Amino acid sequence: MTDKILLAHGSGGTLSRDIVNNSLISVLGNSILNILDDSAVFTANGKIAFTTDSHVVQPIFFPGGDIGKLSVCGTINDLSVMGATPLYLSLALIIEEGFPTKDLDTIIDSVRKAADEAGVKIVTGDTKVVNRGNADKIFINTAGIGIIPEELSVSGHNAKPGNKVILSGTIGDHGIAVLSKREGIAFDTELESDCAPLNKLVADMMLVSSKINCMRDPTRGGLATTLNEIAEQSGVSIRIDEEKIPVRREVAAACEMLGFDPLYIANEGKLVAVVEAEDAEAILMQMKKNKYGHNAAIIGTIEEKYAGRVVMKTTLGTSRIVGMLVGEPLPRIC
């Protein structure tokens, strides 16, 4: 195999076969993927969750991860916050001519590690190569399938007055880590993306309570946009407390310097859960036992008044309406 991706690698011929066998099957191979039919065939029972996502992050390598890890974790988390157990993922690559093969190998190895950690299989995929200059290095699309227990109903429409809002950890880590790499911003300590698969954290939460009404992963648009979406879907208001929202010192400093609000910065390894008040403490304690929930906190309450709005008690003791993100302060963040 050559040390650069050529247009011919997308032709469907010998070089296409080489990239599938040498870069993909050799790393991701399993009993389903190795068949290489036009569709993956497997058995599944119960309610199905299905999601898809495309990843165009720039730069493709950043502190704490890369586009491969990001693509797997993003899809796993979209399934997990619906209460699903992720099972199978697809992986589709759009590669620019001239892309270094060694970088592709690094990315695919990250895909494998993330999939192995989450216990999912890559079972089907596609590879296309475009002319030099017609893409930016590599884009990845992933789709995923998971199983939801019949009795479970987790939805953005299920938040109810009196419910508590739990955040699984610090916000803004991913967005600022990617921006720091992109713009060459240095910190006294290494700030890394929070990119991580959350399916085992969700499974831990469900061990102690069936009273989880809603979960979301606050990716693009950050925590603020996610909470606004829940408030709108459920026809409720959400009151949060700024002092209870965990933010790393480096993230807060970068946001202050650049004029950003951490509430709107993307996350790739965090979740928001809306739960019944009587189970909130038990769920929180269980989350803190998981490595991806050490910094979890109850940050707010669901209310009836001012339906569709998110209101925050600030550190000054005043109240502030937190609206949905307008525009895109950090493009190509995931």
C-alpha atoms as a PDB file:
ATOM      1  CA  MET A   1       0.000   0.000   0.000  1.00  0.00           C
ATOM      2  CA  THR A   2       1.306   3.477  -0.887  1.00  0.00           C
ATOM      3  CA  ASP A   3       2.118   6.058   1.793  1.00  0.00           C
ATOM      4  CA  LYS A   4      -0.467   8.483   0.312  1.00  0.00           C
ATOM      5  CA  ILE A   5      -4.148   8.095  -0.505  1.00  0.00           C
ATOM      6  CA  LEU A   6      -4.675   8.246  -4.288  1.00  0.00           C
ATOM      7  CA  LEU A   7      -7.856   8.888  -6.257  1.00  0.00           C
ATOM      8  CA  ALA A   8      -7.575   5.284  -7.400  1.00  0.00           C
ATOM      9  CA  HIS A   9      -8.130   4.157  -3.811  1.00  0.00           C
ATOM     10  CA  GLY A  10     -11.766   5.220  -4.323  1.00  0.00           C
ATOM     11  CA  SER A  11     -12.190   3.478  -7.657  1.00  0.00           C
ATOM     12  CA  GLY A  12     -13.660   0.228  -6.367  1.00  0.00           C
ATOM     13  CA  GLY A  13     -10.770  -1.801  -7.795  1.00  0.00           C
ATOM     14  CA  THR A  14      -7.593  -3.331  -6.433  1.00  0.00           C
ATOM     15  CA  LEU A  15      -6.479  -0.245  -4.505  1.00  0.00           C
ATOM     16  CA  SER A  16      -9.942   0.090  -2.965  1.00  0.00           C
ATOM     17  CA  ARG A  17      -9.698  -3.499  -1.833  1.00  0.00           C
ATOM     18  CA  ASP A  18      -6.240  -2.780  -0.429  1.00  0.00           C
ATOM     19  CA  ILE A  19      -7.421   0.127   1.718  1.00  0.00           C
ATOM     20  CA  VAL A  20     -10.362  -1.926   3.002  1.00  0.00           C
ATOM     21  CA  ASN A  21      -8.203  -4.931   3.830  1.00  0.00           C
ATOM     22  CA  ASN A  22      -5.014  -3.220   5.004  1.00  0.00           C
ATOM     23  CA  SER A  23      -6.347  -0.170   6.867  1.00  0.00           C
ATOM     24  CA  LEU A  24      -9.848  -1.210   7.916  1.00  0.00           C
ATOM     25  CA  ILE A  25     -10.425  -4.972   8.136  1.00  0.00           C
ATOM     26  CA  SER A  26      -6.990  -5.590   9.645  1.00  0.00           C
ATOM     27  CA  VAL A  27      -7.877  -3.268  12.550  1.00  0.00           C
ATOM     28  CA  LEU A  28     -11.686  -3.401  12.865  1.00  0.00           C
ATOM     29  CA  GLY A  29     -12.396  -6.913  11.588  1.00  0.00           C
ATOM     30  CA  ASN A  30     -15.140  -9.039  13.153  1.00  0.00           C
ATOM     31  CA  SER A  31     -17.441 -11.853  12.084  1.00  0.00           C
ATOM     32  CA  ILE A  32     -20.041  -9.455  10.639  1.00  0.00           C
ATOM     33  CA  LEU A  33     -17.794  -6.887   8.949  1.00  0.00           C
ATOM     34  CA  ASN A  34     -15.466  -9.491   7.446  1.00  0.00           C
ATOM     35  CA  ILE A  35     -18.258 -10.890   5.243  1.00  0.00           C
ATOM     36  CA  LEU A  36     -18.139  -7.649   3.203  1.00  0.00           C
ATOM     37  CA  ASP A  37     -21.608  -7.989   1.699  1.00  0.00           C
ATOM     38  CA  ASP A  38     -23.531  -4.891   0.621  1.00  0.00           C
ATOM     39  CA  SER A  39     -25.289  -4.757   3.992  1.00  0.00           C
ATOM     40  CA  ALA A  40     -24.480  -6.032   7.463  1.00  0.00           C
ATOM     41  CA  VAL A  41     -26.873  -8.753   8.638  1.00  0.00           C
ATOM     42  CA  PHE A  42     -27.442  -9.442  12.332  1.00  0.00           C
ATOM     43  CA  THR A  43     -30.205 -10.332  14.765  1.00  0.00           C
ATOM     44  CA  ALA A  44     -31.698  -7.945  17.341  1.00  0.00           C
ATOM     45  CA  ASN A  45     -34.713  -7.973  19.646  1.00  0.00           C
ATOM     46  CA  GLY A  46     -36.699  -5.171  21.278  1.00  0.00           C
ATOM     47  CA  LYS A  47     -37.011  -1.459  20.565  1.00  0.00           C
ATOM     48  CA  ILE A  48     -34.325  -0.130  18.235  1.00  0.00           C
ATOM     49  CA  ALA A  49     -32.503   3.221  18.420  1.00  0.00           C
ATOM     50  CA  PHE A  50     -30.818   4.330  15.191  1.00  0.00           C
ATOM     51  CA  THR A  51     -28.715   7.460  14.684  1.00  0.00           C
ATOM     52  CA  THR A  52     -26.189   8.914  12.257  1.00  0.00           C
ATOM     53  CA  ASP A  53     -23.649  11.711  12.452  1.00  0.00           C
ATOM     54  CA  SER A  54     -20.988  13.312  10.252  1.00  0.00           C
ATOM     55  CA  HIS A  55     -17.671  14.600  11.594  1.00  0.00           C
ATOM     56  CA  VAL A  56     -15.625  17.385   9.986  1.00  0.00           C
ATOM     57  CA  VAL A  57     -13.513  18.563  12.945  1.00  0.00           C
ATOM     58  CA  GLN A  58     -10.491  20.740  12.240  1.00  0.00           C
ATOM     59  CA  PRO A  59      -7.773  19.942  13.219  1.00  0.00           C
ATOM     60  CA  ILE A  60      -8.304  16.208  12.894  1.00  0.00           C
ATOM     61  CA  PHE A  61      -5.850  15.514  15.744  1.00  0.00           C
ATOM     62  CA  PHE A  62      -6.354  17.417  18.984  1.00  0.00           C
ATOM     63  CA  PRO A  63      -5.459  17.018  22.682  1.00  0.00           C
ATOM     64  CA  GLY A  64      -7.380  14.055  24.040  1.00  0.00           C
ATOM     65  CA  GLY A  65      -8.476  12.554  20.736  1.00  0.00           C
ATOM     66  CA  ASP A  66      -8.860  12.719  16.995  1.00  0.00           C
ATOM     67  CA  ILE A  67     -11.593  12.541  14.373  1.00  0.00           C
ATOM     68  CA  GLY A  68     -11.722   8.739  14.665  1.00  0.00           C
ATOM     69  CA  LYS A  69     -12.361   8.650  18.399  1.00  0.00           C
ATOM     70  CA  LEU A  70     -14.763  11.573  18.050  1.00  0.00           C
ATOM     71  CA  SER A  71     -16.838   9.840  15.379  1.00  0.00           C
ATOM     72  CA  VAL A  72     -17.338   6.669  17.420  1.00  0.00           C
ATOM     73  CA  CYS A  73     -17.994   8.399  20.737  1.00  0.00           C
ATOM     74  CA  GLY A  74     -20.430  10.870  19.186  1.00  0.00           C
ATOM     75  CA  THR A  75     -22.619   8.141  17.755  1.00  0.00           C
ATOM     76  CA  ILE A  76     -22.400   5.928  20.836  1.00  0.00           C
ATOM     77  CA  ASN A  77     -23.470   8.839  23.028  1.00  0.00           C
ATOM     78  CA  ASP A  78     -26.419   9.729  20.801  1.00  0.00           C
ATOM     79  CA  LEU A  79     -27.681   6.176  21.302  1.00  0.00           C
ATOM     80  CA  SER A  80     -26.844   6.019  25.005  1.00  0.00           C
ATOM     81  CA  VAL A  81     -28.782   9.124  26.011  1.00  0.00           C
ATOM     82  CA  MET A  82     -31.898   7.483  24.596  1.00  0.00           C
ATOM     83  CA  GLY A  83     -31.381   4.665  27.070  1.00  0.00           C
ATOM     84  CA  ALA A  84     -30.151   2.346  24.328  1.00  0.00           C
ATOM     85  CA  THR A  85     -27.377  -0.214  24.574  1.00  0.00           C
ATOM     86  CA  PRO A  86     -25.200   0.503  21.502  1.00  0.00           C
ATOM     87  CA  LEU A  87     -24.446  -2.599  19.452  1.00  0.00           C
ATOM     88  CA  TYR A  88     -23.344  -1.878  15.888  1.00  0.00           C
ATOM     89  CA  LEU A  89     -21.808   1.071  14.043  1.00  0.00           C
ATOM     90  CA  SER A  90     -21.089   1.898  10.429  1.00  0.00           C
ATOM     91  CA  LEU A  91     -18.012   3.857   9.361  1.00  0.00           C
ATOM     92  CA  ALA A  92     -17.919   5.866   6.117  1.00  0.00           C
ATOM     93  CA  LEU A  93     -14.785   7.783   5.099  1.00  0.00           C
ATOM     94  CA  ILE A  94     -14.373  10.645   2.627  1.00  0.00           C
ATOM     95  CA  ILE A  95     -10.620  11.057   2.119  1.00  0.00           C
ATOM     96  CA  GLU A  96      -8.764  13.748   0.220  1.00  0.00           C
ATOM     97  CA  GLU A  97      -6.236  12.610  -2.357  1.00  0.00           C
ATOM     98  CA  GLY A  98      -2.735  12.810  -0.878  1.00  0.00           C
ATOM     99  CA  PHE A  99      -3.813  12.103   2.694  1.00  0.00           C
ATOM    100  CA  PRO A 100      -0.994  10.279   4.537  1.00  0.00           C
ATOM    101  CA  THR A 101      -1.671   6.588   5.030  1.00  0.00           C
ATOM    102  CA  LYS A 102       0.024   6.706   8.448  1.00  0.00           C
ATOM    103  CA  ASP A 103      -2.533   9.302   9.592  1.00  0.00           C
ATOM    104  CA  LEU A 104      -5.362   7.092   8.353  1.00  0.00           C
ATOM    105  CA  ASP A 105      -3.894   4.183  10.296  1.00  0.00           C
ATOM    106  CA  THR A 106      -3.755   6.318  13.453  1.00  0.00           C
ATOM    107  CA  ILE A 107      -7.381   7.367  13.027  1.00  0.00           C
ATOM    108  CA  ILE A 108      -8.607   3.819  12.430  1.00  0.00           C
ATOM    109  CA  ASP A 109      -6.710   2.638  15.500  1.00  0.00           C
ATOM    110  CA  SER A 110      -8.530   5.329  17.511  1.00  0.00           C
ATOM    111  CA  VAL A 111     -11.821   4.050  16.086  1.00  0.00           C
ATOM    112  CA  ARG A 112     -10.929   0.548  17.241  1.00  0.00           C
ATOM    113  CA  LYS A 113      -9.947   1.639  20.754  1.00  0.00           C
ATOM    114  CA  ALA A 114     -13.126   3.680  21.255  1.00  0.00           C
ATOM    115  CA  ALA A 115     -15.308   0.866  19.897  1.00  0.00           C
ATOM    116  CA  ASP A 116     -13.553  -1.687  22.111  1.00  0.00           C
ATOM    117  CA  GLU A 117     -13.993   0.474  25.218  1.00  0.00           C
ATOM    118  CA  ALA A 118     -17.706   0.835  24.517  1.00  0.00           C
ATOM    119  CA  GLY A 119     -18.164  -2.820  23.545  1.00  0.00           C
ATOM    120  CA  VAL A 120     -19.557  -2.110  20.073  1.00  0.00           C
ATOM    121  CA  LYS A 121     -18.662  -3.467  16.641  1.00  0.00           C
ATOM    122  CA  ILE A 122     -18.022  -1.643  13.380  1.00  0.00           C
ATOM    123  CA  VAL A 123     -19.995  -3.871  11.007  1.00  0.00           C
ATOM    124  CA  THR A 124     -20.262  -1.983   7.715  1.00  0.00           C
ATOM    125  CA  GLY A 125     -18.835   1.047   5.969  1.00  0.00           C
ATOM    126  CA  ASP A 126     -17.738   2.856   2.838  1.00  0.00           C
ATOM    127  CA  THR A 127     -14.672   4.691   1.530  1.00  0.00           C
ATOM    128  CA  LYS A 128     -14.572   7.482  -1.044  1.00  0.00           C
ATOM    129  CA  VAL A 129     -11.553   9.485  -2.264  1.00  0.00           C
ATOM    130  CA  VAL A 130     -11.962  12.974  -3.733  1.00  0.00           C
ATOM    131  CA  ASN A 131      -9.568  15.182  -5.669  1.00  0.00           C
ATOM    132  CA  ARG A 132      -6.927  17.090  -3.777  1.00  0.00           C
ATOM    133  CA  GLY A 133      -8.463  20.395  -2.650  1.00  0.00           C
ATOM    134  CA  ASN A 134     -12.067  19.119  -2.783  1.00  0.00           C
ATOM    135  CA  ALA A 135     -12.119  18.129   0.901  1.00  0.00           C
ATOM    136  CA  ASP A 136     -10.093  18.964   3.994  1.00  0.00           C
ATOM    137  CA  LYS A 137      -8.042  15.832   4.693  1.00  0.00           C
ATOM    138  CA  ILE A 138     -10.754  13.440   5.911  1.00  0.00           C
ATOM    139  CA  PHE A 139     -14.457  13.479   6.827  1.00  0.00           C
ATOM    140  CA  ILE A 140     -16.162  10.612   8.657  1.00  0.00           C
ATOM    141  CA  ASN A 141     -19.807   9.573   8.864  1.00  0.00           C
ATOM    142  CA  THR A 142     -20.922   7.050  11.454  1.00  0.00           C
ATOM    143  CA  ALA A 143     -24.329   5.497  12.050  1.00  0.00           C
ATOM    144  CA  GLY A 144     -25.296   3.357  14.999  1.00  0.00           C
ATOM    145  CA  ILE A 145     -27.935   0.912  16.180  1.00  0.00           C
ATOM    146  CA  GLY A 146     -28.830   0.087  19.771  1.00  0.00           C
ATOM    147  CA  ILE A 147     -31.483  -1.768  21.739  1.00  0.00           C
ATOM    148  CA  ILE A 148     -33.854  -0.034  24.181  1.00  0.00           C
ATOM    149  CA  PRO A 149     -35.746  -2.017  26.856  1.00  0.00           C
ATOM    150  CA  GLU A 150     -39.461  -2.120  26.054  1.00  0.00           C
ATOM    151  CA  GLU A 151     -40.459  -0.506  29.365  1.00  0.00           C
ATOM    152  CA  LEU A 152     -38.025   2.410  29.040  1.00  0.00           C
ATOM    153  CA  SER A 153     -39.052   5.849  27.741  1.00  0.00           C
ATOM    154  CA  VAL A 154     -36.332   8.509  27.673  1.00  0.00           C
ATOM    155  CA  SER A 155     -37.078  11.629  25.633  1.00  0.00           C
ATOM    156  CA  GLY A 156     -36.622  15.377  25.540  1.00  0.00           C
ATOM    157  CA  HIS A 157     -40.422  15.563  25.831  1.00  0.00           C
ATOM    158  CA  ASN A 158     -40.501  13.903  29.268  1.00  0.00           C
ATOM    159  CA  ALA A 159     -39.147  16.624  31.591  1.00  0.00           C
ATOM    160  CA  LYS A 160     -41.667  17.475  34.332  1.00  0.00           C
ATOM    161  CA  PRO A 161     -41.902  20.217  36.967  1.00  0.00           C
ATOM    162  CA  GLY A 162     -40.052  19.176  40.100  1.00  0.00           C
ATOM    163  CA  ASN A 163     -37.489  17.064  38.226  1.00  0.00           C
ATOM    164  CA  LYS A 164     -33.803  17.684  38.922  1.00  0.00           C
ATOM    165  CA  VAL A 165     -31.169  18.406  36.279  1.00  0.00           C
ATOM    166  CA  ILE A 166     -27.853  16.539  36.578  1.00  0.00           C
ATOM    167  CA  LEU A 167     -24.732  17.380  34.564  1.00  0.00           C
ATOM    168  CA  SER A 168     -22.101  14.640  34.351  1.00  0.00           C
ATOM    169  CA  GLY A 169     -19.025  16.906  34.569  1.00  0.00           C
ATOM    170  CA  THR A 170     -17.141  19.987  33.454  1.00  0.00           C
ATOM    171  CA  ILE A 171     -18.348  21.872  30.387  1.00  0.00           C
ATOM    172  CA  GLY A 172     -16.465  23.317  27.428  1.00  0.00           C
ATOM    173  CA  ASP A 173     -13.442  21.003  27.547  1.00  0.00           C
ATOM    174  CA  HIS A 174     -13.782  19.699  23.990  1.00  0.00           C
ATOM    175  CA  GLY A 175     -14.449  23.004  22.284  1.00  0.00           C
ATOM    176  CA  ILE A 176     -11.599  24.834  23.990  1.00  0.00           C
ATOM    177  CA  ALA A 177      -9.159  21.910  23.522  1.00  0.00           C
ATOM    178  CA  VAL A 178      -9.847  21.866  19.773  1.00  0.00           C
ATOM    179  CA  LEU A 179      -9.668  25.663  19.555  1.00  0.00           C
ATOM    180  CA  SER A 180      -6.381  25.744  21.481  1.00  0.00           C
ATOM    181  CA  LYS A 181      -4.818  23.293  19.014  1.00  0.00           C
ATOM    182  CA  ARG A 182      -6.256  25.167  16.036  1.00  0.00           C
ATOM    183  CA  GLU A 183      -5.094  28.588  17.199  1.00  0.00           C
ATOM    184  CA  GLY A 184      -1.938  27.616  19.111  1.00  0.00           C
ATOM    185  CA  ILE A 185      -3.219  28.733  22.524  1.00  0.00           C
ATOM    186  CA  ALA A 186      -1.100  27.324  25.365  1.00  0.00           C
ATOM    187  CA  PHE A 187      -2.162  26.641  28.955  1.00  0.00           C
ATOM    188  CA  ASP A 188      -0.095  26.011  32.100  1.00  0.00           C
ATOM    189  CA  THR A 189      -1.593  22.512  32.199  1.00  0.00           C
ATOM    190  CA  GLU A 190      -2.623  20.354  29.251  1.00  0.00           C
ATOM    191  CA  LEU A 191      -6.321  20.792  28.522  1.00  0.00           C
ATOM    192  CA  GLU A 192      -7.761  17.778  26.736  1.00  0.00           C
ATOM    193  CA  SER A 193     -11.031  17.093  24.982  1.00  0.00           C
ATOM    194  CA  ASP A 194     -13.568  15.225  27.086  1.00  0.00           C
ATOM    195  CA  CYS A 195     -14.342  12.958  24.115  1.00  0.00           C
ATOM    196  CA  ALA A 196     -15.493   9.629  25.592  1.00  0.00           C
ATOM    197  CA  PRO A 197     -18.129   6.882  25.173  1.00  0.00           C
ATOM    198  CA  LEU A 198     -20.828   7.303  27.826  1.00  0.00           C
ATOM    199  CA  ASN A 199     -22.821   4.093  27.421  1.00  0.00           C
ATOM    200  CA  LYS A 200     -21.372   2.481  30.549  1.00  0.00           C
ATOM    201  CA  LEU A 201     -22.029   5.627  32.595  1.00  0.00           C
ATOM    202  CA  VAL A 202     -25.661   5.518  31.462  1.00  0.00           C
ATOM    203  CA  ALA A 203     -25.863   1.816  32.312  1.00  0.00           C
ATOM    204  CA  ASP A 204     -24.562   2.598  35.805  1.00  0.00           C
ATOM    205  CA  MET A 205     -27.220   5.283  36.255  1.00  0.00           C
ATOM    206  CA  MET A 206     -29.976   2.914  35.204  1.00  0.00           C
ATOM    207  CA  LEU A 207     -28.825   0.337  37.741  1.00  0.00           C
ATOM    208  CA  VAL A 208     -30.022   2.563  40.586  1.00  0.00           C
ATOM    209  CA  SER A 209     -33.098   4.199  39.065  1.00  0.00           C
ATOM    210  CA  SER A 210     -35.727   3.785  36.383  1.00  0.00           C
ATOM    211  CA  LYS A 211     -36.840   7.389  36.958  1.00  0.00           C
ATOM    212  CA  ILE A 212     -34.623   9.020  34.338  1.00  0.00           C
ATOM    213  CA  ASN A 213     -36.998  10.990  32.132  1.00  0.00           C
ATOM    214  CA  CYS A 214     -34.627  12.683  29.719  1.00  0.00           C
ATOM    215  CA  MET A 215     -30.957  12.576  28.725  1.00  0.00           C
ATOM    216  CA  ARG A 216     -29.045  14.593  26.159  1.00  0.00           C
ATOM    217  CA  ASP A 217     -25.382  15.058  25.228  1.00  0.00           C
ATOM    218  CA  PRO A 218     -24.592  18.783  25.008  1.00  0.00           C
ATOM    219  CA  THR A 219     -22.401  18.817  21.905  1.00  0.00           C
ATOM    220  CA  ARG A 220     -22.663  21.698  19.398  1.00  0.00           C
ATOM    221  CA  GLY A 221     -24.329  24.677  21.048  1.00  0.00           C
ATOM    222  CA  GLY A 222     -23.220  23.467  24.463  1.00  0.00           C
ATOM    223  CA  LEU A 223     -25.155  23.116  27.688  1.00  0.00           C
ATOM    224  CA  ALA A 224     -27.269  26.218  27.101  1.00  0.00           C
ATOM    225  CA  THR A 225     -28.637  25.070  23.756  1.00  0.00           C
ATOM    226  CA  THR A 226     -29.331  21.554  25.031  1.00  0.00           C
ATOM    227  CA  LEU A 227     -31.307  22.861  28.014  1.00  0.00           C
ATOM    228  CA  ASN A 228     -33.304  25.184  25.759  1.00  0.00           C
ATOM    229  CA  GLU A 229     -34.169  22.264  23.487  1.00  0.00           C
ATOM    230  CA  ILE A 230     -35.440  20.247  26.460  1.00  0.00           C
ATOM    231  CA  ALA A 231     -37.440  23.204  27.800  1.00  0.00           C
ATOM    232  CA  GLU A 232     -39.047  23.732  24.403  1.00  0.00           C
ATOM    233  CA  GLN A 233     -39.777  20.052  23.762  1.00  0.00           C
ATOM    234  CA  SER A 234     -41.314  19.487  27.192  1.00  0.00           C
ATOM    235  CA  GLY A 235     -43.074  22.833  27.536  1.00  0.00           C
ATOM    236  CA  VAL A 236     -41.344  23.589  30.843  1.00  0.00           C
ATOM    237  CA  SER A 237     -38.823  26.067  32.187  1.00  0.00           C
ATOM    238  CA  ILE A 238     -35.425  25.105  33.572  1.00  0.00           C
ATOM    239  CA  ARG A 239     -33.768  26.996  36.412  1.00  0.00           C
ATOM    240  CA  ILE A 240     -30.035  26.398  36.830  1.00  0.00           C
ATOM    241  CA  ASP A 241     -27.463  27.667  39.332  1.00  0.00           C
ATOM    242  CA  GLU A 242     -24.242  29.065  37.848  1.00  0.00           C
ATOM    243  CA  GLU A 243     -22.229  28.217  40.979  1.00  0.00           C
ATOM    244  CA  LYS A 244     -23.095  24.537  40.635  1.00  0.00           C
ATOM    245  CA  ILE A 245     -21.988  24.189  36.990  1.00  0.00           C
ATOM    246  CA  PRO A 246     -18.462  22.699  36.914  1.00  0.00           C
ATOM    247  CA  VAL A 247     -16.007  24.542  34.630  1.00  0.00           C
ATOM    248  CA  ARG A 248     -12.261  23.934  34.490  1.00  0.00           C
ATOM    249  CA  ARG A 249     -10.028  26.893  35.293  1.00  0.00           C
ATOM    250  CA  GLU A 250      -8.360  26.707  31.864  1.00  0.00           C
ATOM    251  CA  VAL A 251     -11.711  26.721  30.075  1.00  0.00           C
ATOM    252  CA  ALA A 252     -12.988  29.659  32.102  1.00  0.00           C
ATOM    253  CA  ALA A 253      -9.766  31.600  31.441  1.00  0.00           C
ATOM    254  CA  ALA A 254      -9.832  30.881  27.697  1.00  0.00           C
ATOM    255  CA  CYS A 255     -13.478  31.883  27.437  1.00  0.00           C
ATOM    256  CA  GLU A 256     -12.849  35.116  29.326  1.00  0.00           C
ATOM    257  CA  MET A 257      -9.874  35.934  27.101  1.00  0.00           C
ATOM    258  CA  LEU A 258     -11.691  35.157  23.843  1.00  0.00           C
ATOM    259  CA  GLY A 259     -15.124  36.490  24.789  1.00  0.00           C
ATOM    260  CA  PHE A 260     -16.900  33.116  24.849  1.00  0.00           C
ATOM    261  CA  ASP A 261     -19.445  31.777  27.314  1.00  0.00           C
ATOM    262  CA  PRO A 262     -18.685  28.223  28.543  1.00  0.00           C
ATOM    263  CA  LEU A 263     -22.412  27.476  28.478  1.00  0.00           C
ATOM    264  CA  TYR A 264     -22.279  27.516  24.664  1.00  0.00           C
ATOM    265  CA  ILE A 265     -19.035  25.597  24.097  1.00  0.00           C
ATOM    266  CA  ALA A 266     -19.224  22.061  22.678  1.00  0.00           C
ATOM    267  CA  ASN A 267     -18.747  18.930  24.779  1.00  0.00           C
ATOM    268  CA  GLU A 268     -18.134  15.375  23.557  1.00  0.00           C
ATOM    269  CA  GLY A 269     -18.059  13.367  26.776  1.00  0.00           C
ATOM    270  CA  LYS A 270     -20.782  14.848  28.947  1.00  0.00           C
ATOM    271  CA  LEU A 271     -24.487  14.269  29.412  1.00  0.00           C
ATOM    272  CA  VAL A 272     -27.432  16.097  30.936  1.00  0.00           C
ATOM    273  CA  ALA A 273     -30.035  14.000  32.747  1.00  0.00           C
ATOM    274  CA  VAL A 274     -33.484  15.110  33.916  1.00  0.00           C
ATOM    275  CA  VAL A 275     -34.571  12.795  36.731  1.00  0.00           C
ATOM    276  CA  GLU A 276     -37.278  12.441  39.371  1.00  0.00           C
ATOM    277  CA  ALA A 277     -36.290  14.429  42.470  1.00  0.00           C
ATOM    278  CA  GLU A 278     -36.536  11.477  44.866  1.00  0.00           C
ATOM    279  CA  ASP A 279     -33.869   9.547  42.932  1.00  0.00           C
ATOM    280  CA  ALA A 280     -31.572  12.452  42.063  1.00  0.00           C
ATOM    281  CA  GLU A 281     -29.050  11.937  44.887  1.00  0.00           C
ATOM    282  CA  ALA A 282     -28.832   8.181  44.317  1.00  0.00           C
ATOM    283  CA  ILE A 283     -28.211   8.705  40.590  1.00  0.00           C
ATOM    284  CA  LEU A 284     -25.622  11.388  41.314  1.00  0.00           C
ATOM    285  CA  MET A 285     -23.697   9.166  43.727  1.00  0.00           C
ATOM    286  CA  GLN A 286     -23.701   6.338  41.210  1.00  0.00           C
ATOM    287  CA  MET A 287     -22.416   8.642  38.470  1.00  0.00           C
ATOM    288  CA  LYS A 288     -19.546   9.790  40.668  1.00  0.00           C
ATOM    289  CA  LYS A 289     -18.288   6.192  40.888  1.00  0.00           C
ATOM    290  CA  ASN A 290     -17.752   6.127  37.111  1.00  0.00           C
ATOM    291  CA  LYS A 291     -14.598   7.722  35.683  1.00  0.00           C
ATOM    292  CA  TYR A 292     -16.731   9.792  33.315  1.00  0.00           C
ATOM    293  CA  GLY A 293     -18.950  11.083  36.120  1.00  0.00           C
ATOM    294  CA  HIS A 294     -16.477  12.104  38.855  1.00  0.00           C
ATOM    295  CA  ASN A 295     -17.454  15.774  38.594  1.00  0.00           C
ATOM    296  CA  ALA A 296     -21.196  15.240  38.199  1.00  0.00           C
ATOM    297  CA  ALA A 297     -23.463  17.774  39.886  1.00  0.00           C
ATOM    298  CA  ILE A 298     -27.131  18.614  40.310  1.00  0.00           C
ATOM    299  CA  ILE A 299     -27.301  21.989  38.586  1.00  0.00           C
ATOM    300  CA  GLY A 300     -30.989  22.847  38.439  1.00  0.00           C
ATOM    301  CA  THR A 301     -34.689  22.126  38.627  1.00  0.00           C
ATOM    302  CA  ILE A 302     -37.545  21.839  36.149  1.00  0.00           C
ATOM    303  CA  GLU A 303     -40.313  24.410  36.708  1.00  0.00           C
ATOM    304  CA  GLU A 304     -43.674  25.339  35.170  1.00  0.00           C
ATOM    305  CA  LYS A 305     -43.409  29.124  35.061  1.00  0.00           C
ATOM    306  CA  TYR A 306     -41.955  30.695  31.886  1.00  0.00           C
ATOM    307  CA  ALA A 307     -42.366  27.545  29.787  1.00  0.00           C
ATOM    308  CA  GLY A 308     -39.733  27.150  27.093  1.00  0.00           C
ATOM    309  CA  ARG A 309     -37.149  29.277  28.883  1.00  0.00           C
ATOM    310  CA  VAL A 310     -33.919  28.577  30.727  1.00  0.00           C
ATOM    311  CA  VAL A 311     -33.182  30.910  33.644  1.00  0.00           C
ATOM    312  CA  MET A 312     -29.874  30.949  35.515  1.00  0.00           C
ATOM    313  CA  LYS A 313     -29.128  32.234  38.987  1.00  0.00           C
ATOM    314  CA  THR A 314     -25.761  33.938  38.506  1.00  0.00           C
ATOM    315  CA  THR A 315     -22.843  34.029  40.926  1.00  0.00           C
ATOM    316  CA  LEU A 316     -23.904  37.622  41.707  1.00  0.00           C
ATOM    317  CA  GLY A 317     -27.310  36.417  42.885  1.00  0.00           C
ATOM    318  CA  THR A 318     -29.200  37.884  39.942  1.00  0.00           C
ATOM    319  CA  SER A 319     -31.272  35.966  37.379  1.00  0.00           C
ATOM    320  CA  ARG A 320     -30.361  35.756  33.694  1.00  0.00           C
ATOM    321  CA  ILE A 321     -32.272  34.285  30.782  1.00  0.00           C
ATOM    322  CA  VAL A 322     -30.044  31.807  28.960  1.00  0.00           C
ATOM    323  CA  GLY A 323     -31.089  31.666  25.317  1.00  0.00           C
ATOM    324  CA  MET A 324     -30.240  29.210  22.559  1.00  0.00           C
ATOM    325  CA  LEU A 325     -26.998  29.683  20.634  1.00  0.00           C
ATOM    326  CA  VAL A 326     -27.251  32.073  17.693  1.00  0.00           C
ATOM    327  CA  GLY A 327     -24.604  31.604  15.005  1.00  0.00           C
ATOM    328  CA  GLU A 328     -21.536  29.404  15.288  1.00  0.00           C
ATOM    329  CA  PRO A 329     -18.682  30.817  17.395  1.00  0.00           C
ATOM    330  CA  LEU A 330     -16.479  27.738  16.889  1.00  0.00           C
ATOM    331  CA  PRO A 331     -17.090  26.167  13.464  1.00  0.00           C
ATOM    332  CA  ARG A 332     -15.936  22.620  12.665  1.00  0.00           C
ATOM    333  CA  ILE A 333     -15.684  21.598  16.274  1.00  0.00           C
ATOM    334  CA  CYS A 334     -17.046  18.056  15.746  1.00  0.00           C
END
